[in-house]
Amino acid sequence: SSAIWIDKFEADGALGAMVNNPDIL
């Protein structure tokens, strides 16, 4: 839930763009 909140309000979708690289997410 933290990741979704951060992706929406702070990261501007940067975390969501890395879902295909879970090793470093």
PDBML (XML) file of the C-alpha atoms, coordinates in Angstrom:
<?xml version="1.0" encoding="UTF-8" ?>
<PDBx:datablock datablockName="MODEL"
   xmlns:PDBx="http://pdbml.pdb.org/schema/pdbx-v50.xsd"
   xmlns:xsi="http://www.w3.org/2001/XMLSchema-instance"
   xsi:schemaLocation="http://pdbml.pdb.org/schema/pdbx-v50.xsd pdbx-v50.xsd">
   <PDBx:atom_siteCategory>
      <PDBx:atom_site id="1">
         <PDBx:B_iso_or_equiv>0.00</PDBx:B_iso_or_equiv>
         <PDBx:Cartn_x>0.000</PDBx:Cartn_x>
         <PDBx:Cartn_y>0.000</PDBx:Cartn_y>
         <PDBx:Cartn_z>0.000</PDBx:Cartn_z>
         <PDBx:auth_asym_id>A</PDBx:auth_asym_id>
         <PDBx:auth_atom_id>CA</PDBx:auth_atom_id>
         <PDBx:auth_comp_id>SER</PDBx:auth_comp_id>
         <PDBx:auth_seq_id>1</PDBx:auth_seq_id>
         <PDBx:group_PDB>ATOM</PDBx:group_PDB>
         <PDBx:label_alt_id xsi:nil="true" />
         <PDBx:label_asym_id>A</PDBx:label_asym_id>
         <PDBx:label_atom_id>CA</PDBx:label_atom_id>
         <PDBx:label_comp_id>SER</PDBx:label_comp_id>
         <PDBx:label_entity_id>1</PDBx:label_entity_id>
         <PDBx:label_seq_id>1</PDBx:label_seq_id>
         <PDBx:occupancy>1.00</PDBx:occupancy>
         <PDBx:pdbx_PDB_model_num>1</PDBx:pdbx_PDB_model_num>
         <PDBx:type_symbol>C</PDBx:type_symbol>
      </PDBx:atom_site>
      <PDBx:atom_site id="2">
         <PDBx:B_iso_or_equiv>0.00</PDBx:B_iso_or_equiv>
         <PDBx:Cartn_x>2.916</PDBx:Cartn_x>
         <PDBx:Cartn_y>2.332</PDBx:Cartn_y>
         <PDBx:Cartn_z>0.708</PDBx:Cartn_z>
         <PDBx:auth_asym_id>A</PDBx:auth_asym_id>
         <PDBx:auth_atom_id>CA</PDBx:auth_atom_id>
         <PDBx:auth_comp_id>SER</PDBx:auth_comp_id>
         <PDBx:auth_seq_id>2</PDBx:auth_seq_id>
         <PDBx:group_PDB>ATOM</PDBx:group_PDB>
         <PDBx:label_alt_id xsi:nil="true" />
         <PDBx:label_asym_id>A</PDBx:label_asym_id>
         <PDBx:label_atom_id>CA</PDBx:label_atom_id>
         <PDBx:label_comp_id>SER</PDBx:label_comp_id>
         <PDBx:label_entity_id>1</PDBx:label_entity_id>
         <PDBx:label_seq_id>2</PDBx:label_seq_id>
         <PDBx:occupancy>1.00</PDBx:occupancy>
         <PDBx:pdbx_PDB_model_num>1</PDBx:pdbx_PDB_model_num>
         <PDBx:type_symbol>C</PDBx:type_symbol>
      </PDBx:atom_site>
      <PDBx:atom_site id="3">
         <PDBx:B_iso_or_equiv>0.00</PDBx:B_iso_or_equiv>
         <PDBx:Cartn_x>4.290</PDBx:Cartn_x>
         <PDBx:Cartn_y>1.630</PDBx:Cartn_y>
         <PDBx:Cartn_z>-2.747</PDBx:Cartn_z>
         <PDBx:auth_asym_id>A</PDBx:auth_asym_id>
         <PDBx:auth_atom_id>CA</PDBx:auth_atom_id>
         <PDBx:auth_comp_id>ALA</PDBx:auth_comp_id>
         <PDBx:auth_seq_id>3</PDBx:auth_seq_id>
         <PDBx:group_PDB>ATOM</PDBx:group_PDB>
         <PDBx:label_alt_id xsi:nil="true" />
         <PDBx:label_asym_id>A</PDBx:label_asym_id>
         <PDBx:label_atom_id>CA</PDBx:label_atom_id>
         <PDBx:label_comp_id>ALA</PDBx:label_comp_id>
         <PDBx:label_entity_id>1</PDBx:label_entity_id>
         <PDBx:label_seq_id>3</PDBx:label_seq_id>
         <PDBx:occupancy>1.00</PDBx:occupancy>
         <PDBx:pdbx_PDB_model_num>1</PDBx:pdbx_PDB_model_num>
         <PDBx:type_symbol>C</PDBx:type_symbol>
      </PDBx:atom_site>
      <PDBx:atom_site id="4">
         <PDBx:B_iso_or_equiv>0.00</PDBx:B_iso_or_equiv>
         <PDBx:Cartn_x>0.944</PDBx:Cartn_x>
         <PDBx:Cartn_y>2.429</PDBx:Cartn_y>
         <PDBx:Cartn_z>-4.405</PDBx:Cartn_z>
         <PDBx:auth_asym_id>A</PDBx:auth_asym_id>
         <PDBx:auth_atom_id>CA</PDBx:auth_atom_id>
         <PDBx:auth_comp_id>ILE</PDBx:auth_comp_id>
         <PDBx:auth_seq_id>4</PDBx:auth_seq_id>
         <PDBx:group_PDB>ATOM</PDBx:group_PDB>
         <PDBx:label_alt_id xsi:nil="true" />
         <PDBx:label_asym_id>A</PDBx:label_asym_id>
         <PDBx:label_atom_id>CA</PDBx:label_atom_id>
         <PDBx:label_comp_id>ILE</PDBx:label_comp_id>
         <PDBx:label_entity_id>1</PDBx:label_entity_id>
         <PDBx:label_seq_id>4</PDBx:label_seq_id>
         <PDBx:occupancy>1.00</PDBx:occupancy>
         <PDBx:pdbx_PDB_model_num>1</PDBx:pdbx_PDB_model_num>
         <PDBx:type_symbol>C</PDBx:type_symbol>
      </PDBx:atom_site>
      <PDBx:atom_site id="5">
         <PDBx:B_iso_or_equiv>0.00</PDBx:B_iso_or_equiv>
         <PDBx:Cartn_x>0.593</PDBx:Cartn_x>
         <PDBx:Cartn_y>5.657</PDBx:Cartn_y>
         <PDBx:Cartn_z>-2.398</PDBx:Cartn_z>
         <PDBx:auth_asym_id>A</PDBx:auth_asym_id>
         <PDBx:auth_atom_id>CA</PDBx:auth_atom_id>
         <PDBx:auth_comp_id>TRP</PDBx:auth_comp_id>
         <PDBx:auth_seq_id>5</PDBx:auth_seq_id>
         <PDBx:group_PDB>ATOM</PDBx:group_PDB>
         <PDBx:label_alt_id xsi:nil="true" />
         <PDBx:label_asym_id>A</PDBx:label_asym_id>
         <PDBx:label_atom_id>CA</PDBx:label_atom_id>
         <PDBx:label_comp_id>TRP</PDBx:label_comp_id>
         <PDBx:label_entity_id>1</PDBx:label_entity_id>
         <PDBx:label_seq_id>5</PDBx:label_seq_id>
         <PDBx:occupancy>1.00</PDBx:occupancy>
         <PDBx:pdbx_PDB_model_num>1</PDBx:pdbx_PDB_model_num>
         <PDBx:type_symbol>C</PDBx:type_symbol>
      </PDBx:atom_site>
      <PDBx:atom_site id="6">
         <PDBx:B_iso_or_equiv>0.00</PDBx:B_iso_or_equiv>
         <PDBx:Cartn_x>4.170</PDBx:Cartn_x>
         <PDBx:Cartn_y>6.737</PDBx:Cartn_y>
         <PDBx:Cartn_z>-3.180</PDBx:Cartn_z>
         <PDBx:auth_asym_id>A</PDBx:auth_asym_id>
         <PDBx:auth_atom_id>CA</PDBx:auth_atom_id>
         <PDBx:auth_comp_id>ILE</PDBx:auth_comp_id>
         <PDBx:auth_seq_id>6</PDBx:auth_seq_id>
         <PDBx:group_PDB>ATOM</PDBx:group_PDB>
         <PDBx:label_alt_id xsi:nil="true" />
         <PDBx:label_asym_id>A</PDBx:label_asym_id>
         <PDBx:label_atom_id>CA</PDBx:label_atom_id>
         <PDBx:label_comp_id>ILE</PDBx:label_comp_id>
         <PDBx:label_entity_id>1</PDBx:label_entity_id>
         <PDBx:label_seq_id>6</PDBx:label_seq_id>
         <PDBx:occupancy>1.00</PDBx:occupancy>
         <PDBx:pdbx_PDB_model_num>1</PDBx:pdbx_PDB_model_num>
         <PDBx:type_symbol>C</PDBx:type_symbol>
      </PDBx:atom_site>
      <PDBx:atom_site id="7">
         <PDBx:B_iso_or_equiv>0.00</PDBx:B_iso_or_equiv>
         <PDBx:Cartn_x>3.784</PDBx:Cartn_x>
         <PDBx:Cartn_y>5.823</PDBx:Cartn_y>
         <PDBx:Cartn_z>-6.853</PDBx:Cartn_z>
         <PDBx:auth_asym_id>A</PDBx:auth_asym_id>
         <PDBx:auth_atom_id>CA</PDBx:auth_atom_id>
         <PDBx:auth_comp_id>ASP</PDBx:auth_comp_id>
         <PDBx:auth_seq_id>7</PDBx:auth_seq_id>
         <PDBx:group_PDB>ATOM</PDBx:group_PDB>
         <PDBx:label_alt_id xsi:nil="true" />
         <PDBx:label_asym_id>A</PDBx:label_asym_id>
         <PDBx:label_atom_id>CA</PDBx:label_atom_id>
         <PDBx:label_comp_id>ASP</PDBx:label_comp_id>
         <PDBx:label_entity_id>1</PDBx:label_entity_id>
         <PDBx:label_seq_id>7</PDBx:label_seq_id>
         <PDBx:occupancy>1.00</PDBx:occupancy>
         <PDBx:pdbx_PDB_model_num>1</PDBx:pdbx_PDB_model_num>
         <PDBx:type_symbol>C</PDBx:type_symbol>
      </PDBx:atom_site>
      <PDBx:atom_site id="8">
         <PDBx:B_iso_or_equiv>0.00</PDBx:B_iso_or_equiv>
         <PDBx:Cartn_x>0.659</PDBx:Cartn_x>
         <PDBx:Cartn_y>7.956</PDBx:Cartn_y>
         <PDBx:Cartn_z>-7.083</PDBx:Cartn_z>
         <PDBx:auth_asym_id>A</PDBx:auth_asym_id>
         <PDBx:auth_atom_id>CA</PDBx:auth_atom_id>
         <PDBx:auth_comp_id>LYS</PDBx:auth_comp_id>
         <PDBx:auth_seq_id>8</PDBx:auth_seq_id>
         <PDBx:group_PDB>ATOM</PDBx:group_PDB>
         <PDBx:label_alt_id xsi:nil="true" />
         <PDBx:label_asym_id>A</PDBx:label_asym_id>
         <PDBx:label_atom_id>CA</PDBx:label_atom_id>
         <PDBx:label_comp_id>LYS</PDBx:label_comp_id>
         <PDBx:label_entity_id>1</PDBx:label_entity_id>
         <PDBx:label_seq_id>8</PDBx:label_seq_id>
         <PDBx:occupancy>1.00</PDBx:occupancy>
         <PDBx:pdbx_PDB_model_num>1</PDBx:pdbx_PDB_model_num>
         <PDBx:type_symbol>C</PDBx:type_symbol>
      </PDBx:atom_site>
      <PDBx:atom_site id="9">
         <PDBx:B_iso_or_equiv>0.00</PDBx:B_iso_or_equiv>
         <PDBx:Cartn_x>1.606</PDBx:Cartn_x>
         <PDBx:Cartn_y>10.995</PDBx:Cartn_y>
         <PDBx:Cartn_z>-4.994</PDBx:Cartn_z>
         <PDBx:auth_asym_id>A</PDBx:auth_asym_id>
         <PDBx:auth_atom_id>CA</PDBx:auth_atom_id>
         <PDBx:auth_comp_id>PHE</PDBx:auth_comp_id>
         <PDBx:auth_seq_id>9</PDBx:auth_seq_id>
         <PDBx:group_PDB>ATOM</PDBx:group_PDB>
         <PDBx:label_alt_id xsi:nil="true" />
         <PDBx:label_asym_id>A</PDBx:label_asym_id>
         <PDBx:label_atom_id>CA</PDBx:label_atom_id>
         <PDBx:label_comp_id>PHE</PDBx:label_comp_id>
         <PDBx:label_entity_id>1</PDBx:label_entity_id>
         <PDBx:label_seq_id>9</PDBx:label_seq_id>
         <PDBx:occupancy>1.00</PDBx:occupancy>
         <PDBx:pdbx_PDB_model_num>1</PDBx:pdbx_PDB_model_num>
         <PDBx:type_symbol>C</PDBx:type_symbol>
      </PDBx:atom_site>
      <PDBx:atom_site id="10">
         <PDBx:B_iso_or_equiv>0.00</PDBx:B_iso_or_equiv>
         <PDBx:Cartn_x>5.419</PDBx:Cartn_x>
         <PDBx:Cartn_y>11.168</PDBx:Cartn_y>
         <PDBx:Cartn_z>-4.989</PDBx:Cartn_z>
         <PDBx:auth_asym_id>A</PDBx:auth_asym_id>
         <PDBx:auth_atom_id>CA</PDBx:auth_atom_id>
         <PDBx:auth_comp_id>GLU</PDBx:auth_comp_id>
         <PDBx:auth_seq_id>10</PDBx:auth_seq_id>
         <PDBx:group_PDB>ATOM</PDBx:group_PDB>
         <PDBx:label_alt_id xsi:nil="true" />
         <PDBx:label_asym_id>A</PDBx:label_asym_id>
         <PDBx:label_atom_id>CA</PDBx:label_atom_id>
         <PDBx:label_comp_id>GLU</PDBx:label_comp_id>
         <PDBx:label_entity_id>1</PDBx:label_entity_id>
         <PDBx:label_seq_id>10</PDBx:label_seq_id>
         <PDBx:occupancy>1.00</PDBx:occupancy>
         <PDBx:pdbx_PDB_model_num>1</PDBx:pdbx_PDB_model_num>
         <PDBx:type_symbol>C</PDBx:type_symbol>
      </PDBx:atom_site>
      <PDBx:atom_site id="11">
         <PDBx:B_iso_or_equiv>0.00</PDBx:B_iso_or_equiv>
         <PDBx:Cartn_x>7.049</PDBx:Cartn_x>
         <PDBx:Cartn_y>8.966</PDBx:Cartn_y>
         <PDBx:Cartn_z>-7.634</PDBx:Cartn_z>
         <PDBx:auth_asym_id>A</PDBx:auth_asym_id>
         <PDBx:auth_atom_id>CA</PDBx:auth_atom_id>
         <PDBx:auth_comp_id>ALA</PDBx:auth_comp_id>
         <PDBx:auth_seq_id>11</PDBx:auth_seq_id>
         <PDBx:group_PDB>ATOM</PDBx:group_PDB>
         <PDBx:label_alt_id xsi:nil="true" />
         <PDBx:label_asym_id>A</PDBx:label_asym_id>
         <PDBx:label_atom_id>CA</PDBx:label_atom_id>
         <PDBx:label_comp_id>ALA</PDBx:label_comp_id>
         <PDBx:label_entity_id>1</PDBx:label_entity_id>
         <PDBx:label_seq_id>11</PDBx:label_seq_id>
         <PDBx:occupancy>1.00</PDBx:occupancy>
         <PDBx:pdbx_PDB_model_num>1</PDBx:pdbx_PDB_model_num>
         <PDBx:type_symbol>C</PDBx:type_symbol>
      </PDBx:atom_site>
      <PDBx:atom_site id="12">
         <PDBx:B_iso_or_equiv>0.00</PDBx:B_iso_or_equiv>
         <PDBx:Cartn_x>4.781</PDBx:Cartn_x>
         <PDBx:Cartn_y>10.025</PDBx:Cartn_y>
         <PDBx:Cartn_z>-10.500</PDBx:Cartn_z>
         <PDBx:auth_asym_id>A</PDBx:auth_asym_id>
         <PDBx:auth_atom_id>CA</PDBx:auth_atom_id>
         <PDBx:auth_comp_id>ASP</PDBx:auth_comp_id>
         <PDBx:auth_seq_id>12</PDBx:auth_seq_id>
         <PDBx:group_PDB>ATOM</PDBx:group_PDB>
         <PDBx:label_alt_id xsi:nil="true" />
         <PDBx:label_asym_id>A</PDBx:label_asym_id>
         <PDBx:label_atom_id>CA</PDBx:label_atom_id>
         <PDBx:label_comp_id>ASP</PDBx:label_comp_id>
         <PDBx:label_entity_id>1</PDBx:label_entity_id>
         <PDBx:label_seq_id>12</PDBx:label_seq_id>
         <PDBx:occupancy>1.00</PDBx:occupancy>
         <PDBx:pdbx_PDB_model_num>1</PDBx:pdbx_PDB_model_num>
         <PDBx:type_symbol>C</PDBx:type_symbol>
      </PDBx:atom_site>
      <PDBx:atom_site id="13">
         <PDBx:B_iso_or_equiv>0.00</PDBx:B_iso_or_equiv>
         <PDBx:Cartn_x>4.451</PDBx:Cartn_x>
         <PDBx:Cartn_y>6.409</PDBx:Cartn_y>
         <PDBx:Cartn_z>-11.719</PDBx:Cartn_z>
         <PDBx:auth_asym_id>A</PDBx:auth_asym_id>
         <PDBx:auth_atom_id>CA</PDBx:auth_atom_id>
         <PDBx:auth_comp_id>GLY</PDBx:auth_comp_id>
         <PDBx:auth_seq_id>13</PDBx:auth_seq_id>
         <PDBx:group_PDB>ATOM</PDBx:group_PDB>
         <PDBx:label_alt_id xsi:nil="true" />
         <PDBx:label_asym_id>A</PDBx:label_asym_id>
         <PDBx:label_atom_id>CA</PDBx:label_atom_id>
         <PDBx:label_comp_id>GLY</PDBx:label_comp_id>
         <PDBx:label_entity_id>1</PDBx:label_entity_id>
         <PDBx:label_seq_id>13</PDBx:label_seq_id>
         <PDBx:occupancy>1.00</PDBx:occupancy>
         <PDBx:pdbx_PDB_model_num>1</PDBx:pdbx_PDB_model_num>
         <PDBx:type_symbol>C</PDBx:type_symbol>
      </PDBx:atom_site>
      <PDBx:atom_site id="14">
         <PDBx:B_iso_or_equiv>0.00</PDBx:B_iso_or_equiv>
         <PDBx:Cartn_x>8.173</PDBx:Cartn_x>
         <PDBx:Cartn_y>5.558</PDBx:Cartn_y>
         <PDBx:Cartn_z>-11.470</PDBx:Cartn_z>
         <PDBx:auth_asym_id>A</PDBx:auth_asym_id>
         <PDBx:auth_atom_id>CA</PDBx:auth_atom_id>
         <PDBx:auth_comp_id>ALA</PDBx:auth_comp_id>
         <PDBx:auth_seq_id>14</PDBx:auth_seq_id>
         <PDBx:group_PDB>ATOM</PDBx:group_PDB>
         <PDBx:label_alt_id xsi:nil="true" />
         <PDBx:label_asym_id>A</PDBx:label_asym_id>
         <PDBx:label_atom_id>CA</PDBx:label_atom_id>
         <PDBx:label_comp_id>ALA</PDBx:label_comp_id>
         <PDBx:label_entity_id>1</PDBx:label_entity_id>
         <PDBx:label_seq_id>14</PDBx:label_seq_id>
         <PDBx:occupancy>1.00</PDBx:occupancy>
         <PDBx:pdbx_PDB_model_num>1</PDBx:pdbx_PDB_model_num>
         <PDBx:type_symbol>C</PDBx:type_symbol>
      </PDBx:atom_site>
      <PDBx:atom_site id="15">
         <PDBx:B_iso_or_equiv>0.00</PDBx:B_iso_or_equiv>
         <PDBx:Cartn_x>7.603</PDBx:Cartn_x>
         <PDBx:Cartn_y>2.493</PDBx:Cartn_y>
         <PDBx:Cartn_z>-9.269</PDBx:Cartn_z>
         <PDBx:auth_asym_id>A</PDBx:auth_asym_id>
         <PDBx:auth_atom_id>CA</PDBx:auth_atom_id>
         <PDBx:auth_comp_id>LEU</PDBx:auth_comp_id>
         <PDBx:auth_seq_id>15</PDBx:auth_seq_id>
         <PDBx:group_PDB>ATOM</PDBx:group_PDB>
         <PDBx:label_alt_id xsi:nil="true" />
         <PDBx:label_asym_id>A</PDBx:label_asym_id>
         <PDBx:label_atom_id>CA</PDBx:label_atom_id>
         <PDBx:label_comp_id>LEU</PDBx:label_comp_id>
         <PDBx:label_entity_id>1</PDBx:label_entity_id>
         <PDBx:label_seq_id>15</PDBx:label_seq_id>
         <PDBx:occupancy>1.00</PDBx:occupancy>
         <PDBx:pdbx_PDB_model_num>1</PDBx:pdbx_PDB_model_num>
         <PDBx:type_symbol>C</PDBx:type_symbol>
      </PDBx:atom_site>
      <PDBx:atom_site id="16">
         <PDBx:B_iso_or_equiv>0.00</PDBx:B_iso_or_equiv>
         <PDBx:Cartn_x>4.811</PDBx:Cartn_x>
         <PDBx:Cartn_y>1.189</PDBx:Cartn_y>
         <PDBx:Cartn_z>-11.482</PDBx:Cartn_z>
         <PDBx:auth_asym_id>A</PDBx:auth_asym_id>
         <PDBx:auth_atom_id>CA</PDBx:auth_atom_id>
         <PDBx:auth_comp_id>GLY</PDBx:auth_comp_id>
         <PDBx:auth_seq_id>16</PDBx:auth_seq_id>
         <PDBx:group_PDB>ATOM</PDBx:group_PDB>
         <PDBx:label_alt_id xsi:nil="true" />
         <PDBx:label_asym_id>A</PDBx:label_asym_id>
         <PDBx:label_atom_id>CA</PDBx:label_atom_id>
         <PDBx:label_comp_id>GLY</PDBx:label_comp_id>
         <PDBx:label_entity_id>1</PDBx:label_entity_id>
         <PDBx:label_seq_id>16</PDBx:label_seq_id>
         <PDBx:occupancy>1.00</PDBx:occupancy>
         <PDBx:pdbx_PDB_model_num>1</PDBx:pdbx_PDB_model_num>
         <PDBx:type_symbol>C</PDBx:type_symbol>
      </PDBx:atom_site>
      <PDBx:atom_site id="17">
         <PDBx:B_iso_or_equiv>0.00</PDBx:B_iso_or_equiv>
         <PDBx:Cartn_x>7.100</PDBx:Cartn_x>
         <PDBx:Cartn_y>1.423</PDBx:Cartn_y>
         <PDBx:Cartn_z>-14.469</PDBx:Cartn_z>
         <PDBx:auth_asym_id>A</PDBx:auth_asym_id>
         <PDBx:auth_atom_id>CA</PDBx:auth_atom_id>
         <PDBx:auth_comp_id>ALA</PDBx:auth_comp_id>
         <PDBx:auth_seq_id>17</PDBx:auth_seq_id>
         <PDBx:group_PDB>ATOM</PDBx:group_PDB>
         <PDBx:label_alt_id xsi:nil="true" />
         <PDBx:label_asym_id>A</PDBx:label_asym_id>
         <PDBx:label_atom_id>CA</PDBx:label_atom_id>
         <PDBx:label_comp_id>ALA</PDBx:label_comp_id>
         <PDBx:label_entity_id>1</PDBx:label_entity_id>
         <PDBx:label_seq_id>17</PDBx:label_seq_id>
         <PDBx:occupancy>1.00</PDBx:occupancy>
         <PDBx:pdbx_PDB_model_num>1</PDBx:pdbx_PDB_model_num>
         <PDBx:type_symbol>C</PDBx:type_symbol>
      </PDBx:atom_site>
      <PDBx:atom_site id="18">
         <PDBx:B_iso_or_equiv>0.00</PDBx:B_iso_or_equiv>
         <PDBx:Cartn_x>9.532</PDBx:Cartn_x>
         <PDBx:Cartn_y>-0.999</PDBx:Cartn_y>
         <PDBx:Cartn_z>-12.825</PDBx:Cartn_z>
         <PDBx:auth_asym_id>A</PDBx:auth_asym_id>
         <PDBx:auth_atom_id>CA</PDBx:auth_atom_id>
         <PDBx:auth_comp_id>MET</PDBx:auth_comp_id>
         <PDBx:auth_seq_id>18</PDBx:auth_seq_id>
         <PDBx:group_PDB>ATOM</PDBx:group_PDB>
         <PDBx:label_alt_id xsi:nil="true" />
         <PDBx:label_asym_id>A</PDBx:label_asym_id>
         <PDBx:label_atom_id>CA</PDBx:label_atom_id>
         <PDBx:label_comp_id>MET</PDBx:label_comp_id>
         <PDBx:label_entity_id>1</PDBx:label_entity_id>
         <PDBx:label_seq_id>18</PDBx:label_seq_id>
         <PDBx:occupancy>1.00</PDBx:occupancy>
         <PDBx:pdbx_PDB_model_num>1</PDBx:pdbx_PDB_model_num>
         <PDBx:type_symbol>C</PDBx:type_symbol>
      </PDBx:atom_site>
      <PDBx:atom_site id="19">
         <PDBx:B_iso_or_equiv>0.00</PDBx:B_iso_or_equiv>
         <PDBx:Cartn_x>7.148</PDBx:Cartn_x>
         <PDBx:Cartn_y>-3.894</PDBx:Cartn_y>
         <PDBx:Cartn_z>-12.098</PDBx:Cartn_z>
         <PDBx:auth_asym_id>A</PDBx:auth_asym_id>
         <PDBx:auth_atom_id>CA</PDBx:auth_atom_id>
         <PDBx:auth_comp_id>VAL</PDBx:auth_comp_id>
         <PDBx:auth_seq_id>19</PDBx:auth_seq_id>
         <PDBx:group_PDB>ATOM</PDBx:group_PDB>
         <PDBx:label_alt_id xsi:nil="true" />
         <PDBx:label_asym_id>A</PDBx:label_asym_id>
         <PDBx:label_atom_id>CA</PDBx:label_atom_id>
         <PDBx:label_comp_id>VAL</PDBx:label_comp_id>
         <PDBx:label_entity_id>1</PDBx:label_entity_id>
         <PDBx:label_seq_id>19</PDBx:label_seq_id>
         <PDBx:occupancy>1.00</PDBx:occupancy>
         <PDBx:pdbx_PDB_model_num>1</PDBx:pdbx_PDB_model_num>
         <PDBx:type_symbol>C</PDBx:type_symbol>
      </PDBx:atom_site>
      <PDBx:atom_site id="20">
         <PDBx:B_iso_or_equiv>0.00</PDBx:B_iso_or_equiv>
         <PDBx:Cartn_x>8.914</PDBx:Cartn_x>
         <PDBx:Cartn_y>-6.028</PDBx:Cartn_y>
         <PDBx:Cartn_z>-14.701</PDBx:Cartn_z>
         <PDBx:auth_asym_id>A</PDBx:auth_asym_id>
         <PDBx:auth_atom_id>CA</PDBx:auth_atom_id>
         <PDBx:auth_comp_id>ASN</PDBx:auth_comp_id>
         <PDBx:auth_seq_id>20</PDBx:auth_seq_id>
         <PDBx:group_PDB>ATOM</PDBx:group_PDB>
         <PDBx:label_alt_id xsi:nil="true" />
         <PDBx:label_asym_id>A</PDBx:label_asym_id>
         <PDBx:label_atom_id>CA</PDBx:label_atom_id>
         <PDBx:label_comp_id>ASN</PDBx:label_comp_id>
         <PDBx:label_entity_id>1</PDBx:label_entity_id>
         <PDBx:label_seq_id>20</PDBx:label_seq_id>
         <PDBx:occupancy>1.00</PDBx:occupancy>
         <PDBx:pdbx_PDB_model_num>1</PDBx:pdbx_PDB_model_num>
         <PDBx:type_symbol>C</PDBx:type_symbol>
      </PDBx:atom_site>
      <PDBx:atom_site id="21">
         <PDBx:B_iso_or_equiv>0.00</PDBx:B_iso_or_equiv>
         <PDBx:Cartn_x>12.177</PDBx:Cartn_x>
         <PDBx:Cartn_y>-5.667</PDBx:Cartn_y>
         <PDBx:Cartn_z>-12.792</PDBx:Cartn_z>
         <PDBx:auth_asym_id>A</PDBx:auth_asym_id>
         <PDBx:auth_atom_id>CA</PDBx:auth_atom_id>
         <PDBx:auth_comp_id>ASN</PDBx:auth_comp_id>
         <PDBx:auth_seq_id>21</PDBx:auth_seq_id>
         <PDBx:group_PDB>ATOM</PDBx:group_PDB>
         <PDBx:label_alt_id xsi:nil="true" />
         <PDBx:label_asym_id>A</PDBx:label_asym_id>
         <PDBx:label_atom_id>CA</PDBx:label_atom_id>
         <PDBx:label_comp_id>ASN</PDBx:label_comp_id>
         <PDBx:label_entity_id>1</PDBx:label_entity_id>
         <PDBx:label_seq_id>21</PDBx:label_seq_id>
         <PDBx:occupancy>1.00</PDBx:occupancy>
         <PDBx:pdbx_PDB_model_num>1</PDBx:pdbx_PDB_model_num>
         <PDBx:type_symbol>C</PDBx:type_symbol>
      </PDBx:atom_site>
      <PDBx:atom_site id="22">
         <PDBx:B_iso_or_equiv>0.00</PDBx:B_iso_or_equiv>
         <PDBx:Cartn_x>11.216</PDBx:Cartn_x>
         <PDBx:Cartn_y>-6.953</PDBx:Cartn_y>
         <PDBx:Cartn_z>-9.317</PDBx:Cartn_z>
         <PDBx:auth_asym_id>A</PDBx:auth_asym_id>
         <PDBx:auth_atom_id>CA</PDBx:auth_atom_id>
         <PDBx:auth_comp_id>PRO</PDBx:auth_comp_id>
         <PDBx:auth_seq_id>22</PDBx:auth_seq_id>
         <PDBx:group_PDB>ATOM</PDBx:group_PDB>
         <PDBx:label_alt_id xsi:nil="true" />
         <PDBx:label_asym_id>A</PDBx:label_asym_id>
         <PDBx:label_atom_id>CA</PDBx:label_atom_id>
         <PDBx:label_comp_id>PRO</PDBx:label_comp_id>
         <PDBx:label_entity_id>1</PDBx:label_entity_id>
         <PDBx:label_seq_id>22</PDBx:label_seq_id>
         <PDBx:occupancy>1.00</PDBx:occupancy>
         <PDBx:pdbx_PDB_model_num>1</PDBx:pdbx_PDB_model_num>
         <PDBx:type_symbol>C</PDBx:type_symbol>
      </PDBx:atom_site>
      <PDBx:atom_site id="23">
         <PDBx:B_iso_or_equiv>0.00</PDBx:B_iso_or_equiv>
         <PDBx:Cartn_x>14.827</PDBx:Cartn_x>
         <PDBx:Cartn_y>-7.721</PDBx:Cartn_y>
         <PDBx:Cartn_z>-8.323</PDBx:Cartn_z>
         <PDBx:auth_asym_id>A</PDBx:auth_asym_id>
         <PDBx:auth_atom_id>CA</PDBx:auth_atom_id>
         <PDBx:auth_comp_id>ASP</PDBx:auth_comp_id>
         <PDBx:auth_seq_id>23</PDBx:auth_seq_id>
         <PDBx:group_PDB>ATOM</PDBx:group_PDB>
         <PDBx:label_alt_id xsi:nil="true" />
         <PDBx:label_asym_id>A</PDBx:label_asym_id>
         <PDBx:label_atom_id>CA</PDBx:label_atom_id>
         <PDBx:label_comp_id>ASP</PDBx:label_comp_id>
         <PDBx:label_entity_id>1</PDBx:label_entity_id>
         <PDBx:label_seq_id>23</PDBx:label_seq_id>
         <PDBx:occupancy>1.00</PDBx:occupancy>
         <PDBx:pdbx_PDB_model_num>1</PDBx:pdbx_PDB_model_num>
         <PDBx:type_symbol>C</PDBx:type_symbol>
      </PDBx:atom_site>
      <PDBx:atom_site id="24">
         <PDBx:B_iso_or_equiv>0.00</PDBx:B_iso_or_equiv>
         <PDBx:Cartn_x>15.540</PDBx:Cartn_x>
         <PDBx:Cartn_y>-4.043</PDBx:Cartn_y>
         <PDBx:Cartn_z>-7.617</PDBx:Cartn_z>
         <PDBx:auth_asym_id>A</PDBx:auth_asym_id>
         <PDBx:auth_atom_id>CA</PDBx:auth_atom_id>
         <PDBx:auth_comp_id>ILE</PDBx:auth_comp_id>
         <PDBx:auth_seq_id>24</PDBx:auth_seq_id>
         <PDBx:group_PDB>ATOM</PDBx:group_PDB>
         <PDBx:label_alt_id xsi:nil="true" />
         <PDBx:label_asym_id>A</PDBx:label_asym_id>
         <PDBx:label_atom_id>CA</PDBx:label_atom_id>
         <PDBx:label_comp_id>ILE</PDBx:label_comp_id>
         <PDBx:label_entity_id>1</PDBx:label_entity_id>
         <PDBx:label_seq_id>24</PDBx:label_seq_id>
         <PDBx:occupancy>1.00</PDBx:occupancy>
         <PDBx:pdbx_PDB_model_num>1</PDBx:pdbx_PDB_model_num>
         <PDBx:type_symbol>C</PDBx:type_symbol>
      </PDBx:atom_site>
      <PDBx:atom_site id="25">
         <PDBx:B_iso_or_equiv>0.00</PDBx:B_iso_or_equiv>
         <PDBx:Cartn_x>12.022</PDBx:Cartn_x>
         <PDBx:Cartn_y>-2.671</PDBx:Cartn_y>
         <PDBx:Cartn_z>-7.074</PDBx:Cartn_z>
         <PDBx:auth_asym_id>A</PDBx:auth_asym_id>
         <PDBx:auth_atom_id>CA</PDBx:auth_atom_id>
         <PDBx:auth_comp_id>LEU</PDBx:auth_comp_id>
         <PDBx:auth_seq_id>25</PDBx:auth_seq_id>
         <PDBx:group_PDB>ATOM</PDBx:group_PDB>
         <PDBx:label_alt_id xsi:nil="true" />
         <PDBx:label_asym_id>A</PDBx:label_asym_id>
         <PDBx:label_atom_id>CA</PDBx:label_atom_id>
         <PDBx:label_comp_id>LEU</PDBx:label_comp_id>
         <PDBx:label_entity_id>1</PDBx:label_entity_id>
         <PDBx:label_seq_id>25</PDBx:label_seq_id>
         <PDBx:occupancy>1.00</PDBx:occupancy>
         <PDBx:pdbx_PDB_model_num>1</PDBx:pdbx_PDB_model_num>
         <PDBx:type_symbol>C</PDBx:type_symbol>
      </PDBx:atom_site>
   </PDBx:atom_siteCategory>
</PDBx:datablock>
